[in-house]
N, C-alpha and C. Protein backbone atom coordinates (compact mmCIF):
# COMPACT_ATOMS: atom_id res chain seq x y z
N MET A 1 -31.35 21.68 -42.45
CA MET A 1 -30.52 20.75 -43.19
C MET A 1 -29.53 20.12 -42.21
N LYS A 2 -29.42 18.84 -42.24
CA LYS A 2 -28.51 18.12 -41.37
C LYS A 2 -27.35 17.57 -42.20
N SER A 3 -26.15 17.69 -41.65
CA SER A 3 -25.00 17.12 -42.33
C SER A 3 -24.13 16.42 -41.30
N SER A 4 -23.35 15.50 -41.77
CA SER A 4 -22.42 14.82 -40.86
C SER A 4 -21.15 14.47 -41.62
N LEU A 5 -20.08 14.41 -40.88
CA LEU A 5 -18.80 14.05 -41.47
C LEU A 5 -18.54 12.58 -41.20
N VAL A 6 -17.96 11.92 -42.16
CA VAL A 6 -17.58 10.53 -41.95
C VAL A 6 -16.24 10.51 -41.22
N ARG A 7 -15.96 9.41 -40.57
CA ARG A 7 -14.68 9.25 -39.90
C ARG A 7 -13.59 9.14 -40.95
N LEU A 8 -12.46 9.71 -40.65
CA LEU A 8 -11.33 9.69 -41.57
C LEU A 8 -10.52 8.42 -41.37
N SER A 9 -9.88 7.97 -42.43
CA SER A 9 -8.96 6.84 -42.33
C SER A 9 -7.67 7.31 -41.66
N ARG A 10 -6.76 6.40 -41.40
CA ARG A 10 -5.49 6.78 -40.77
C ARG A 10 -4.71 7.74 -41.66
N ASP A 11 -4.66 7.46 -42.96
CA ASP A 11 -3.95 8.34 -43.89
C ASP A 11 -4.63 9.70 -43.99
N GLU A 12 -5.96 9.70 -44.04
CA GLU A 12 -6.70 10.96 -44.11
C GLU A 12 -6.51 11.77 -42.83
N THR A 13 -6.43 11.08 -41.70
CA THR A 13 -6.19 11.77 -40.43
C THR A 13 -4.85 12.48 -40.46
N ALA A 14 -3.82 11.80 -40.95
CA ALA A 14 -2.49 12.41 -41.04
C ALA A 14 -2.52 13.63 -41.96
N ARG A 15 -3.17 13.50 -43.12
CA ARG A 15 -3.27 14.63 -44.05
C ARG A 15 -4.06 15.78 -43.43
N TYR A 16 -5.11 15.45 -42.68
CA TYR A 16 -5.93 16.46 -42.02
C TYR A 16 -5.09 17.24 -41.00
N VAL A 17 -4.31 16.54 -40.20
CA VAL A 17 -3.46 17.20 -39.20
C VAL A 17 -2.47 18.13 -39.89
N LEU A 18 -1.83 17.65 -40.95
CA LEU A 18 -0.87 18.48 -41.68
C LEU A 18 -1.55 19.70 -42.30
N HIS A 19 -2.75 19.51 -42.81
CA HIS A 19 -3.52 20.62 -43.38
C HIS A 19 -3.84 21.66 -42.31
N ARG A 20 -4.27 21.20 -41.14
CA ARG A 20 -4.60 22.11 -40.04
C ARG A 20 -3.35 22.87 -39.57
N LEU A 21 -2.22 22.19 -39.52
CA LEU A 21 -0.97 22.86 -39.15
C LEU A 21 -0.63 23.94 -40.17
N ASN A 22 -0.83 23.64 -41.45
CA ASN A 22 -0.57 24.61 -42.51
C ASN A 22 -1.48 25.83 -42.35
N LEU A 23 -2.77 25.59 -42.11
CA LEU A 23 -3.71 26.70 -41.93
C LEU A 23 -3.34 27.56 -40.72
N ALA A 24 -2.80 26.93 -39.70
CA ALA A 24 -2.40 27.66 -38.49
C ALA A 24 -1.10 28.40 -38.68
N GLY A 25 -0.43 28.19 -39.81
CA GLY A 25 0.81 28.90 -40.09
C GLY A 25 2.05 28.26 -39.50
N ALA A 26 1.99 26.95 -39.27
CA ALA A 26 3.15 26.25 -38.71
C ALA A 26 4.35 26.40 -39.64
N ALA A 27 5.50 26.67 -39.05
CA ALA A 27 6.72 26.82 -39.83
C ALA A 27 7.23 25.46 -40.32
N ALA A 28 6.96 24.42 -39.54
CA ALA A 28 7.39 23.06 -39.90
C ALA A 28 6.19 22.13 -39.78
N PHE A 29 6.15 21.14 -40.67
CA PHE A 29 5.02 20.21 -40.65
C PHE A 29 5.40 18.86 -40.08
N ASP A 30 6.60 18.78 -39.52
CA ASP A 30 7.03 17.52 -38.92
C ASP A 30 6.90 17.57 -37.40
N ILE A 31 5.96 18.36 -36.93
CA ILE A 31 5.73 18.48 -35.49
C ILE A 31 5.31 17.13 -34.91
N PHE A 32 4.45 16.42 -35.66
CA PHE A 32 4.01 15.09 -35.24
C PHE A 32 4.81 14.03 -35.99
N THR A 33 5.38 13.10 -35.26
CA THR A 33 6.08 11.98 -35.89
C THR A 33 5.05 11.00 -36.42
N LYS A 34 5.50 10.00 -37.16
CA LYS A 34 4.57 8.97 -37.66
C LYS A 34 3.86 8.26 -36.51
N THR A 35 4.61 7.95 -35.45
CA THR A 35 3.97 7.28 -34.31
C THR A 35 2.99 8.22 -33.61
N GLY A 36 3.31 9.51 -33.61
CA GLY A 36 2.40 10.50 -33.03
C GLY A 36 1.10 10.58 -33.80
N LEU A 37 1.20 10.58 -35.14
CA LEU A 37 0.00 10.63 -35.98
C LEU A 37 -0.83 9.36 -35.83
N ARG A 38 -0.15 8.21 -35.70
CA ARG A 38 -0.88 6.95 -35.49
C ARG A 38 -1.65 6.99 -34.16
N ALA A 39 -1.01 7.53 -33.14
CA ALA A 39 -1.66 7.64 -31.83
C ALA A 39 -2.84 8.61 -31.89
N VAL A 40 -2.69 9.70 -32.63
CA VAL A 40 -3.80 10.65 -32.80
C VAL A 40 -4.99 9.92 -33.42
N TYR A 41 -4.71 9.13 -34.45
CA TYR A 41 -5.79 8.38 -35.11
C TYR A 41 -6.41 7.37 -34.14
N ARG A 42 -5.58 6.66 -33.41
CA ARG A 42 -6.07 5.63 -32.49
C ARG A 42 -7.02 6.23 -31.45
N TYR A 43 -6.66 7.37 -30.88
CA TYR A 43 -7.48 7.96 -29.83
C TYR A 43 -8.67 8.75 -30.35
N SER A 44 -8.59 9.23 -31.58
CA SER A 44 -9.69 10.02 -32.15
C SER A 44 -10.63 9.19 -33.01
N ASP A 45 -10.17 8.01 -33.43
CA ASP A 45 -10.90 7.15 -34.36
C ASP A 45 -11.31 7.89 -35.63
N GLY A 46 -10.52 8.88 -36.02
CA GLY A 46 -10.76 9.58 -37.28
C GLY A 46 -11.86 10.63 -37.23
N ILE A 47 -12.38 10.94 -36.06
CA ILE A 47 -13.42 11.96 -35.93
C ILE A 47 -12.74 13.33 -35.90
N PRO A 48 -13.02 14.19 -36.89
CA PRO A 48 -12.30 15.46 -37.00
C PRO A 48 -12.28 16.29 -35.71
N ARG A 49 -13.39 16.40 -35.02
CA ARG A 49 -13.42 17.19 -33.79
C ARG A 49 -12.48 16.59 -32.74
N MET A 50 -12.45 15.25 -32.66
CA MET A 50 -11.57 14.60 -31.70
C MET A 50 -10.11 14.69 -32.13
N ILE A 51 -9.86 14.65 -33.44
CA ILE A 51 -8.49 14.83 -33.94
C ILE A 51 -7.96 16.18 -33.45
N ASN A 52 -8.79 17.23 -33.61
CA ASN A 52 -8.40 18.56 -33.15
C ASN A 52 -8.12 18.55 -31.65
N HIS A 53 -8.98 17.91 -30.89
CA HIS A 53 -8.86 17.87 -29.43
C HIS A 53 -7.57 17.14 -29.02
N VAL A 54 -7.32 15.99 -29.61
CA VAL A 54 -6.12 15.21 -29.29
C VAL A 54 -4.87 16.01 -29.64
N CYS A 55 -4.84 16.59 -30.84
CA CYS A 55 -3.66 17.35 -31.27
C CYS A 55 -3.44 18.58 -30.39
N GLU A 56 -4.51 19.28 -30.08
CA GLU A 56 -4.37 20.48 -29.24
C GLU A 56 -3.76 20.13 -27.89
N ASN A 57 -4.27 19.09 -27.26
CA ASN A 57 -3.77 18.72 -25.94
C ASN A 57 -2.33 18.19 -26.01
N ALA A 58 -2.02 17.45 -27.07
CA ALA A 58 -0.65 16.96 -27.23
C ALA A 58 0.31 18.12 -27.46
N MET A 59 -0.11 19.11 -28.25
CA MET A 59 0.76 20.27 -28.49
C MET A 59 0.94 21.11 -27.23
N MET A 60 -0.12 21.23 -26.42
CA MET A 60 0.01 21.99 -25.18
C MET A 60 0.96 21.29 -24.21
N LEU A 61 0.86 19.96 -24.12
CA LEU A 61 1.77 19.22 -23.25
C LEU A 61 3.20 19.32 -23.77
N ALA A 62 3.37 19.25 -25.09
CA ALA A 62 4.71 19.38 -25.68
C ALA A 62 5.29 20.76 -25.39
N ALA A 63 4.48 21.80 -25.52
CA ALA A 63 4.96 23.16 -25.24
C ALA A 63 5.34 23.30 -23.76
N LYS A 64 4.51 22.74 -22.89
CA LYS A 64 4.78 22.82 -21.45
C LYS A 64 6.12 22.15 -21.09
N ARG A 65 6.41 21.06 -21.80
CA ARG A 65 7.66 20.32 -21.53
C ARG A 65 8.81 20.73 -22.44
N ASN A 66 8.56 21.72 -23.31
CA ASN A 66 9.57 22.21 -24.24
C ASN A 66 10.05 21.09 -25.18
N ILE A 67 9.11 20.32 -25.69
CA ILE A 67 9.38 19.22 -26.62
C ILE A 67 9.01 19.67 -28.03
N GLU A 68 9.91 19.47 -28.98
CA GLU A 68 9.66 19.93 -30.34
C GLU A 68 8.91 18.93 -31.21
N LYS A 69 9.07 17.65 -30.96
CA LYS A 69 8.42 16.61 -31.78
C LYS A 69 7.42 15.84 -30.92
N ILE A 70 6.23 15.69 -31.45
CA ILE A 70 5.18 14.97 -30.72
C ILE A 70 5.13 13.54 -31.26
N ASP A 71 5.52 12.60 -30.41
CA ASP A 71 5.50 11.20 -30.82
C ASP A 71 4.36 10.46 -30.13
N GLY A 72 4.25 9.18 -30.41
CA GLY A 72 3.19 8.37 -29.84
C GLY A 72 3.21 8.35 -28.33
N ASP A 73 4.40 8.33 -27.74
CA ASP A 73 4.51 8.32 -26.28
C ASP A 73 3.92 9.58 -25.66
N LEU A 74 4.15 10.73 -26.28
CA LEU A 74 3.61 11.98 -25.75
C LEU A 74 2.08 12.00 -25.87
N VAL A 75 1.56 11.53 -27.00
CA VAL A 75 0.11 11.47 -27.17
C VAL A 75 -0.48 10.50 -26.14
N ASN A 76 0.19 9.36 -25.93
CA ASN A 76 -0.26 8.42 -24.91
C ASN A 76 -0.26 9.07 -23.52
N GLU A 77 0.73 9.89 -23.25
CA GLU A 77 0.83 10.57 -21.96
C GLU A 77 -0.36 11.51 -21.73
N THR A 78 -0.84 12.15 -22.80
CA THR A 78 -2.00 13.03 -22.63
C THR A 78 -3.22 12.23 -22.18
N VAL A 79 -3.31 10.99 -22.65
CA VAL A 79 -4.43 10.12 -22.24
C VAL A 79 -4.24 9.71 -20.78
N LYS A 80 -3.02 9.33 -20.43
CA LYS A 80 -2.73 8.91 -19.05
C LYS A 80 -3.02 10.02 -18.05
N GLN A 81 -2.76 11.26 -18.46
CA GLN A 81 -3.00 12.40 -17.58
C GLN A 81 -4.47 12.81 -17.56
N GLY A 82 -5.28 12.16 -18.38
CA GLY A 82 -6.70 12.50 -18.40
C GLY A 82 -7.05 13.70 -19.25
N LEU A 83 -6.10 14.16 -20.05
CA LEU A 83 -6.36 15.31 -20.91
C LEU A 83 -7.24 14.94 -22.11
N ILE A 84 -7.26 13.65 -22.45
CA ILE A 84 -8.03 13.16 -23.59
C ILE A 84 -8.80 11.93 -23.13
N THR A 85 -10.05 11.86 -23.55
CA THR A 85 -10.82 10.64 -23.36
C THR A 85 -10.90 9.97 -24.71
N PRO A 86 -10.27 8.80 -24.88
CA PRO A 86 -10.26 8.15 -26.19
C PRO A 86 -11.67 7.79 -26.66
N VAL A 87 -11.84 7.83 -27.97
CA VAL A 87 -13.10 7.42 -28.58
C VAL A 87 -13.03 5.93 -28.82
N ALA A 88 -14.09 5.23 -28.45
CA ALA A 88 -14.14 3.79 -28.71
C ALA A 88 -14.32 3.59 -30.21
N PRO A 89 -13.47 2.80 -30.85
CA PRO A 89 -13.59 2.58 -32.29
C PRO A 89 -14.90 1.90 -32.63
N LEU A 90 -15.52 2.38 -33.68
CA LEU A 90 -16.76 1.79 -34.17
C LEU A 90 -16.49 1.09 -35.49
N THR A 91 -17.40 0.25 -35.90
CA THR A 91 -17.26 -0.38 -37.19
C THR A 91 -17.38 0.68 -38.27
N ARG A 92 -16.63 0.57 -39.32
CA ARG A 92 -16.63 1.57 -40.38
C ARG A 92 -17.73 1.33 -41.41
N LYS A 93 -18.35 0.18 -41.39
CA LYS A 93 -19.39 -0.11 -42.37
C LYS A 93 -20.70 0.50 -41.89
N LYS A 94 -21.35 1.24 -42.79
CA LYS A 94 -22.62 1.86 -42.45
C LYS A 94 -23.73 0.82 -42.52
N PRO A 95 -24.76 0.99 -41.73
CA PRO A 95 -25.89 0.07 -41.80
C PRO A 95 -26.52 0.10 -43.19
N GLU A 96 -27.03 -1.04 -43.63
CA GLU A 96 -27.61 -1.17 -44.98
C GLU A 96 -28.71 -0.15 -45.22
N LYS A 97 -29.54 0.11 -44.23
CA LYS A 97 -30.66 1.04 -44.37
C LYS A 97 -30.15 2.45 -44.68
N GLN A 98 -29.11 2.88 -44.02
CA GLN A 98 -28.55 4.20 -44.23
C GLN A 98 -27.97 4.32 -45.64
N ILE A 99 -27.30 3.28 -46.12
CA ILE A 99 -26.74 3.29 -47.47
C ILE A 99 -27.86 3.42 -48.50
N LYS A 100 -28.96 2.71 -48.30
CA LYS A 100 -30.08 2.76 -49.22
C LYS A 100 -30.66 4.17 -49.29
N ILE A 101 -30.80 4.83 -48.17
CA ILE A 101 -31.33 6.19 -48.14
C ILE A 101 -30.41 7.13 -48.91
N GLN A 102 -29.11 7.00 -48.73
CA GLN A 102 -28.18 7.86 -49.44
C GLN A 102 -28.24 7.61 -50.94
N LYS A 103 -28.36 6.38 -51.35
CA LYS A 103 -28.45 6.07 -52.78
C LYS A 103 -29.71 6.68 -53.37
N GLU A 104 -30.84 6.58 -52.63
CA GLU A 104 -32.09 7.16 -53.12
C GLU A 104 -31.98 8.67 -53.25
N ALA A 105 -31.36 9.32 -52.29
CA ALA A 105 -31.22 10.78 -52.32
C ALA A 105 -30.42 11.20 -53.55
N VAL A 106 -29.36 10.47 -53.86
CA VAL A 106 -28.54 10.79 -55.02
C VAL A 106 -29.32 10.50 -56.30
N SER A 107 -30.13 9.42 -56.30
CA SER A 107 -30.94 9.09 -57.48
C SER A 107 -31.93 10.19 -57.77
N ILE A 108 -32.55 10.72 -56.73
CA ILE A 108 -33.54 11.77 -56.91
C ILE A 108 -32.90 12.98 -57.56
N GLN A 109 -31.74 13.35 -57.11
CA GLN A 109 -31.13 14.53 -57.69
C GLN A 109 -30.68 14.26 -59.12
N THR A 110 -30.35 13.02 -59.47
CA THR A 110 -29.99 12.69 -60.84
C THR A 110 -31.21 12.79 -61.74
N ILE A 111 -32.38 12.36 -61.26
CA ILE A 111 -33.62 12.45 -62.02
C ILE A 111 -33.95 13.91 -62.32
N ASP A 112 -33.68 14.79 -61.38
CA ASP A 112 -33.98 16.21 -61.56
C ASP A 112 -33.06 16.86 -62.59
N ASN A 113 -32.02 16.14 -63.03
CA ASN A 113 -31.06 16.64 -64.02
C ASN A 113 -30.35 17.91 -63.58
N GLU A 114 -30.15 18.07 -62.30
CA GLU A 114 -29.38 19.20 -61.80
C GLU A 114 -28.04 18.69 -61.31
N PRO A 115 -27.00 19.50 -61.45
CA PRO A 115 -25.69 19.06 -60.94
C PRO A 115 -25.79 18.76 -59.45
N GLU A 116 -25.10 17.71 -59.03
CA GLU A 116 -25.18 17.25 -57.66
C GLU A 116 -24.85 18.35 -56.66
N SER A 117 -23.77 19.06 -56.90
CA SER A 117 -23.33 20.03 -55.91
C SER A 117 -24.25 21.26 -55.86
N ASP A 118 -24.98 21.56 -56.97
CA ASP A 118 -25.83 22.75 -56.99
C ASP A 118 -27.09 22.58 -56.17
N LYS A 119 -27.69 21.39 -56.21
CA LYS A 119 -28.97 21.22 -55.54
C LYS A 119 -28.85 20.76 -54.10
N PHE A 120 -28.15 19.67 -53.85
CA PHE A 120 -28.10 19.11 -52.51
C PHE A 120 -26.72 19.11 -51.88
N GLY A 121 -25.67 19.27 -52.65
CA GLY A 121 -24.33 19.19 -52.12
C GLY A 121 -23.85 17.77 -51.90
N PHE A 122 -24.56 16.78 -52.49
CA PHE A 122 -24.13 15.39 -52.36
C PHE A 122 -22.98 15.10 -53.30
N ILE A 123 -22.24 14.07 -52.98
CA ILE A 123 -21.20 13.64 -53.91
C ILE A 123 -21.80 12.68 -54.92
N ASP A 124 -21.09 12.45 -55.97
CA ASP A 124 -21.51 11.52 -57.01
C ASP A 124 -21.71 10.13 -56.42
N ILE A 125 -22.71 9.38 -56.90
CA ILE A 125 -23.03 8.06 -56.35
C ILE A 125 -21.83 7.12 -56.40
N ASN A 126 -21.01 7.20 -57.46
CA ASN A 126 -19.84 6.34 -57.55
C ASN A 126 -18.82 6.68 -56.48
N GLU A 127 -18.66 7.96 -56.18
CA GLU A 127 -17.77 8.35 -55.09
C GLU A 127 -18.32 7.88 -53.75
N LEU A 128 -19.62 8.00 -53.58
CA LEU A 128 -20.26 7.57 -52.34
C LEU A 128 -20.03 6.09 -52.11
N ILE A 129 -20.20 5.29 -53.14
CA ILE A 129 -20.04 3.84 -53.00
C ILE A 129 -18.60 3.48 -52.71
N THR A 130 -17.65 4.18 -53.34
CA THR A 130 -16.25 3.86 -53.06
C THR A 130 -15.86 4.25 -51.65
N VAL A 131 -16.45 5.32 -51.11
CA VAL A 131 -16.18 5.72 -49.73
C VAL A 131 -16.70 4.67 -48.76
N LEU A 132 -17.86 4.10 -49.06
CA LEU A 132 -18.47 3.11 -48.18
C LEU A 132 -17.71 1.83 -48.28
């Protein structure tokens, strides 16, 4: 079974970072400033694995310099030092062929009259279309 994650939006990226900080047991969730979170999104292009990589390197640089708040300048510095290789932004619209395949997969599971999450783990077709 193959699965893939879609790229997160800027707001979703910020929520993802805060969620990860919470899971890690962070005492404060304002470690990243708004400009820091924007820079994380810019360099990761919303790819969860890259978000983790950018944040980890920014936090390590902040700890090394004894900085409590990670802003856009610090995230930019991690790129300048070569700690992060930015992801080239891609278009967010999926190719028409891929959308058609996803719609067919969801249609098939609807015909089978089984709940979406029980059989294939797909989201509802209306949710899928709004995401696209």
